[in-house]
Amino acid sequence: MKKAKLLIKSIHCNSCKMMIEEEVADKGAKASVDVGKRTADIEFDEKKMKLDDLRGALKELGYESEVIG
């Protein structure tokens, strides 16, 4: 499993957190979102998906993201 940290630029509430975590889970990965820091720790199988695919799914929900770690 590969890990990455994303800065989620437009997150602002717990509903956002839940939407992001559910979308990532639907794609077969795990996310732990910190609303206060506007970050998401993502864990995914890079043999099955790319981080850019997850970021694209978040963008479709309206959340711009940037890889920070």
C-alpha atoms as a PDB file:
ATOM      1  CA  MET A   1       0.000   0.000   0.000  1.00  0.00           C
ATOM      2  CA  LYS A   2       1.172   3.490  -0.835  1.00  0.00           C
ATOM      3  CA  LYS A   3       0.501   6.531   1.323  1.00  0.00           C
ATOM      4  CA  ALA A   4       0.105  10.168   0.344  1.00  0.00           C
ATOM      5  CA  LYS A   5      -0.949  13.402   2.027  1.00  0.00           C
ATOM      6  CA  LEU A   6      -3.166  15.851   0.186  1.00  0.00           C
ATOM      7  CA  LEU A   7      -3.994  19.453   0.911  1.00  0.00           C
ATOM      8  CA  ILE A   8      -7.729  19.823   0.210  1.00  0.00           C
ATOM      9  CA  LYS A   9      -8.128  23.479  -0.673  1.00  0.00           C
ATOM     10  CA  SER A  10     -11.898  23.885  -0.462  1.00  0.00           C
ATOM     11  CA  ILE A  11     -12.804  21.697   2.522  1.00  0.00           C
ATOM     12  CA  HIS A  12     -14.629  23.520   5.298  1.00  0.00           C
ATOM     13  CA  CYS A  13     -16.876  21.210   7.340  1.00  0.00           C
ATOM     14  CA  ASN A  14     -17.559  17.679   8.554  1.00  0.00           C
ATOM     15  CA  SER A  15     -19.923  17.059   5.641  1.00  0.00           C
ATOM     16  CA  CYS A  16     -16.989  17.691   3.298  1.00  0.00           C
ATOM     17  CA  LYS A  17     -14.897  15.253   5.335  1.00  0.00           C
ATOM     18  CA  MET A  18     -17.547  12.547   5.056  1.00  0.00           C
ATOM     19  CA  MET A  19     -18.001  13.073   1.307  1.00  0.00           C
ATOM     20  CA  ILE A  20     -14.265  12.842   0.666  1.00  0.00           C
ATOM     21  CA  GLU A  21     -13.778   9.751   2.834  1.00  0.00           C
ATOM     22  CA  GLU A  22     -16.772   8.026   1.202  1.00  0.00           C
ATOM     23  CA  GLU A  23     -15.607   8.854  -2.335  1.00  0.00           C
ATOM     24  CA  VAL A  24     -12.116   7.526  -1.645  1.00  0.00           C
ATOM     25  CA  ALA A  25     -13.580   4.376  -0.056  1.00  0.00           C
ATOM     26  CA  ASP A  26     -15.808   3.858  -3.105  1.00  0.00           C
ATOM     27  CA  LYS A  27     -12.631   3.834  -5.207  1.00  0.00           C
ATOM     28  CA  GLY A  28     -11.107   1.101  -2.990  1.00  0.00           C
ATOM     29  CA  ALA A  29      -8.750   3.278  -0.951  1.00  0.00           C
ATOM     30  CA  LYS A  30      -8.740   4.727   2.572  1.00  0.00           C
ATOM     31  CA  ALA A  31      -8.726   8.371   3.626  1.00  0.00           C
ATOM     32  CA  SER A  32      -8.417  10.097   6.950  1.00  0.00           C
ATOM     33  CA  VAL A  33      -9.439  13.743   6.613  1.00  0.00           C
ATOM     34  CA  ASP A  34      -8.528  16.540   9.039  1.00  0.00           C
ATOM     35  CA  VAL A  35     -10.900  19.455   8.427  1.00  0.00           C
ATOM     36  CA  GLY A  36      -8.922  21.892  10.598  1.00  0.00           C
ATOM     37  CA  LYS A  37      -5.660  21.283   8.735  1.00  0.00           C
ATOM     38  CA  ARG A  38      -7.459  20.818   5.383  1.00  0.00           C
ATOM     39  CA  THR A  39      -5.520  17.606   4.767  1.00  0.00           C
ATOM     40  CA  ALA A  40      -6.278  14.020   3.829  1.00  0.00           C
ATOM     41  CA  ASP A  41      -4.011  11.060   4.488  1.00  0.00           C
ATOM     42  CA  ILE A  42      -4.675   8.596   1.682  1.00  0.00           C
ATOM     43  CA  GLU A  43      -3.712   4.924   1.563  1.00  0.00           C
ATOM     44  CA  PHE A  44      -4.166   3.099  -1.746  1.00  0.00           C
ATOM     45  CA  ASP A  45      -2.904   0.162  -3.788  1.00  0.00           C
ATOM     46  CA  GLU A  46      -0.868   1.697  -6.585  1.00  0.00           C
ATOM     47  CA  LYS A  47      -1.197  -1.545  -8.579  1.00  0.00           C
ATOM     48  CA  LYS A  48      -4.944  -0.898  -8.811  1.00  0.00           C
ATOM     49  CA  MET A  49      -5.112   2.900  -9.075  1.00  0.00           C
ATOM     50  CA  LYS A  50      -3.095   6.069  -9.371  1.00  0.00           C
ATOM     51  CA  LEU A  51      -3.181   8.951  -6.934  1.00  0.00           C
ATOM     52  CA  ASP A  52      -4.158  11.225  -9.821  1.00  0.00           C
ATOM     53  CA  ASP A  53      -7.286   9.093 -10.337  1.00  0.00           C
ATOM     54  CA  LEU A  54      -8.306   9.717  -6.713  1.00  0.00           C
ATOM     55  CA  ARG A  55      -7.547  13.413  -7.050  1.00  0.00           C
ATOM     56  CA  GLY A  56      -9.674  13.496 -10.209  1.00  0.00           C
ATOM     57  CA  ALA A  57     -12.589  11.919  -8.353  1.00  0.00           C
ATOM     58  CA  LEU A  58     -12.270  14.556  -5.629  1.00  0.00           C
ATOM     59  CA  LYS A  59     -12.167  17.292  -8.252  1.00  0.00           C
ATOM     60  CA  GLU A  60     -15.435  16.006  -9.715  1.00  0.00           C
ATOM     61  CA  LEU A  61     -16.948  16.523  -6.241  1.00  0.00           C
ATOM     62  CA  GLY A  62     -15.620  20.098  -6.239  1.00  0.00           C
ATOM     63  CA  TYR A  63     -12.495  19.613  -4.108  1.00  0.00           C
ATOM     64  CA  GLU A  64      -9.185  20.816  -5.506  1.00  0.00           C
ATOM     65  CA  SER A  65      -6.215  18.992  -4.001  1.00  0.00           C
ATOM     66  CA  GLU A  66      -2.456  19.234  -3.952  1.00  0.00           C
ATOM     67  CA  VAL A  67       0.027  16.492  -3.011  1.00  0.00           C
ATOM     68  CA  ILE A  68       2.055  17.660  -0.007  1.00  0.00           C
ATOM     69  CA  GLY A  69       3.596  14.396   1.140  1.00  0.00           C
END
